[in-house]
Amino acid sequence: MAKSDDKSQNEAAAPPAGQEAGNAQQQVRVEIDDSSAVATYANFCRVMGTPEELIIDFGVNPQPFGVPTNPIPVNHRIITNFYTAKRMLHALQLTLQRHEATFGVLETDVQKRVRPGAMPQAQTAPQPPASK
């Protein structure tokens, strides 16, 4: 991943301190520095929680179909409070709505995505005629 010296912009739901309650839903721009961020792929996540915090584990499941026979290695864990989790949920919902409006509905059930006959069948090579 290329590092960038530029500061990127991100939207946050928290208003500056001292604003009236009527403006509480107004979004403000917050500067972030993501030059040291590490990007990682995950196709597995597990969500757990306590009364005070939410724990989200991410990893790569090498056997994504069926029940895995080996433990899934968890490479990253995010521990956050429920307020931040709710803001993250809202941001993810908006992002998914925009994506689906542009590209179509995302079907999360793999069985519904697989089209019968789409998988190539193992073809056998024609057998040479038997010699006499």
Protein backbone atom coordinates (compact mmCIF):
# COMPACT_ATOMS: atom_id res chain seq x y z
CA MET A 1 0.00 0.00 0.00
CA ALA A 2 1.40 3.38 -0.94
CA LYS A 3 1.84 5.87 1.84
CA SER A 4 0.51 9.36 1.36
CA ASP A 5 1.59 12.60 2.99
CA ASP A 6 -1.77 14.16 2.18
CA LYS A 7 -4.37 14.40 4.88
CA SER A 8 -7.69 12.86 3.87
CA GLN A 9 -11.12 14.08 4.82
CA ASN A 10 -13.66 11.99 6.69
CA GLU A 11 -17.17 12.75 7.86
CA ALA A 12 -18.04 12.31 11.51
CA ALA A 13 -21.44 12.48 13.14
CA ALA A 14 -20.23 14.30 16.26
CA PRO A 15 -20.93 18.06 16.26
CA PRO A 16 -18.44 20.50 17.78
CA ALA A 17 -18.93 21.13 21.48
CA GLY A 18 -21.35 23.90 22.32
CA GLN A 19 -23.68 23.57 19.34
CA GLU A 20 -27.41 23.53 19.92
CA ALA A 21 -29.31 20.22 20.00
CA GLY A 22 -31.09 21.16 16.75
CA ASN A 23 -27.76 21.07 14.92
CA ALA A 24 -26.64 17.84 16.63
CA GLN A 25 -27.32 15.80 13.48
CA GLN A 26 -25.22 18.14 11.30
CA GLN A 27 -22.08 16.39 10.07
CA VAL A 28 -18.68 18.05 10.32
CA ARG A 29 -15.47 17.35 8.43
CA VAL A 30 -12.69 15.83 10.47
CA GLU A 31 -9.10 15.67 9.20
CA ILE A 32 -7.38 12.31 9.52
CA ASP A 33 -3.86 11.14 8.76
CA ASP A 34 -3.98 7.62 7.31
CA SER A 35 -0.35 7.55 6.12
CA SER A 36 0.54 4.79 8.60
CA ALA A 37 -2.66 2.75 8.17
CA VAL A 38 -2.24 -0.90 7.24
CA ALA A 39 -4.77 -2.42 4.85
CA THR A 40 -5.74 -6.04 5.44
CA TYR A 41 -8.24 -8.33 3.70
CA ALA A 42 -10.77 -10.33 5.74
CA ASN A 43 -13.49 -12.72 4.64
CA PHE A 44 -14.46 -13.70 8.18
CA CYS A 45 -15.59 -11.69 11.16
CA ARG A 46 -16.90 -12.60 14.59
CA VAL A 47 -18.71 -10.14 16.84
CA MET A 48 -18.76 -10.50 20.61
CA GLY A 49 -19.51 -8.07 23.37
CA THR A 50 -19.64 -7.21 27.00
CA PRO A 51 -22.02 -4.70 28.60
CA GLU A 52 -19.39 -1.97 28.06
CA GLU A 53 -17.70 -2.79 24.75
CA LEU A 54 -17.96 -4.54 21.41
CA ILE A 55 -15.22 -6.90 20.19
CA ILE A 56 -14.92 -7.58 16.46
CA ASP A 57 -12.42 -10.18 15.24
CA PHE A 58 -11.29 -10.31 11.60
CA GLY A 59 -9.48 -13.07 9.76
CA VAL A 60 -9.15 -15.01 6.54
CA ASN A 61 -11.05 -18.28 6.29
CA PRO A 62 -9.10 -20.46 3.85
CA GLN A 63 -12.15 -22.75 3.47
CA PRO A 64 -15.02 -20.29 2.84
CA PHE A 65 -17.57 -22.98 1.84
CA GLY A 66 -19.03 -25.40 4.34
CA VAL A 67 -17.86 -25.77 7.91
CA PRO A 68 -14.13 -25.08 8.31
CA THR A 69 -12.14 -28.10 9.45
CA ASN A 70 -9.27 -26.03 10.87
CA PRO A 71 -9.39 -23.03 13.22
CA ILE A 72 -9.70 -19.68 11.44
CA PRO A 73 -6.73 -17.47 12.28
CA VAL A 74 -7.87 -14.10 13.66
CA ASN A 75 -5.40 -11.43 12.56
CA HIS A 76 -7.08 -8.25 13.78
CA ARG A 77 -9.34 -7.38 16.69
CA ILE A 78 -11.20 -4.10 17.13
CA ILE A 79 -12.49 -3.28 20.59
CA THR A 80 -14.82 -0.31 20.72
CA ASN A 81 -17.71 1.10 22.70
CA PHE A 82 -21.31 0.74 21.61
CA TYR A 83 -21.63 4.43 20.66
CA THR A 84 -18.81 4.15 18.15
CA ALA A 85 -20.21 0.81 16.94
CA LYS A 86 -23.58 2.44 16.28
CA ARG A 87 -21.93 5.26 14.31
CA MET A 88 -19.95 2.65 12.35
CA LEU A 89 -23.14 0.68 11.65
CA HIS A 90 -24.80 3.84 10.31
CA ALA A 91 -21.81 4.64 8.08
CA LEU A 92 -21.72 1.06 6.75
CA GLN A 93 -25.48 1.08 6.08
CA LEU A 94 -25.22 4.31 4.07
CA THR A 95 -22.24 3.00 2.13
CA LEU A 96 -23.98 -0.29 1.31
CA GLN A 97 -27.17 1.52 0.26
CA ARG A 98 -25.18 3.69 -2.16
CA HIS A 99 -23.32 0.64 -3.50
CA GLU A 100 -26.53 -1.35 -4.05
CA ALA A 101 -28.23 1.64 -5.67
CA THR A 102 -25.37 1.77 -8.16
CA PHE A 103 -24.50 -1.91 -8.70
CA GLY A 104 -27.54 -3.89 -7.52
CA VAL A 105 -28.46 -5.85 -4.42
CA LEU A 106 -25.69 -7.80 -2.70
CA GLU A 107 -26.84 -11.37 -2.01
CA THR A 108 -25.06 -12.70 1.08
CA ASP A 109 -26.41 -16.26 0.76
CA VAL A 110 -23.80 -18.05 -1.37
CA GLN A 111 -26.30 -20.75 -2.36
CA LYS A 112 -28.55 -18.11 -3.96
CA ARG A 113 -25.59 -16.62 -5.87
CA VAL A 114 -24.39 -19.88 -7.40
CA ARG A 115 -26.07 -20.51 -10.73
CA PRO A 116 -26.73 -24.17 -11.60
CA GLY A 117 -24.51 -25.27 -14.45
CA ALA A 118 -22.13 -22.34 -13.97
CA MET A 119 -19.43 -24.57 -12.52
CA PRO A 120 -17.53 -26.43 -15.24
CA GLN A 121 -17.98 -30.18 -15.00
CA ALA A 122 -14.91 -32.42 -15.11
CA GLN A 123 -14.72 -33.49 -18.70
CA THR A 124 -13.17 -36.77 -19.67
CA ALA A 125 -10.98 -36.99 -22.72
CA PRO A 126 -12.40 -39.08 -25.57
CA GLN A 127 -11.09 -42.62 -25.42
CA PRO A 128 -9.23 -43.89 -28.48
CA PRO A 129 -10.90 -46.80 -30.27
CA ALA A 130 -9.86 -50.17 -28.94
CA SER A 131 -7.25 -51.84 -31.15
CA LYS A 132 -8.06 -55.30 -32.53
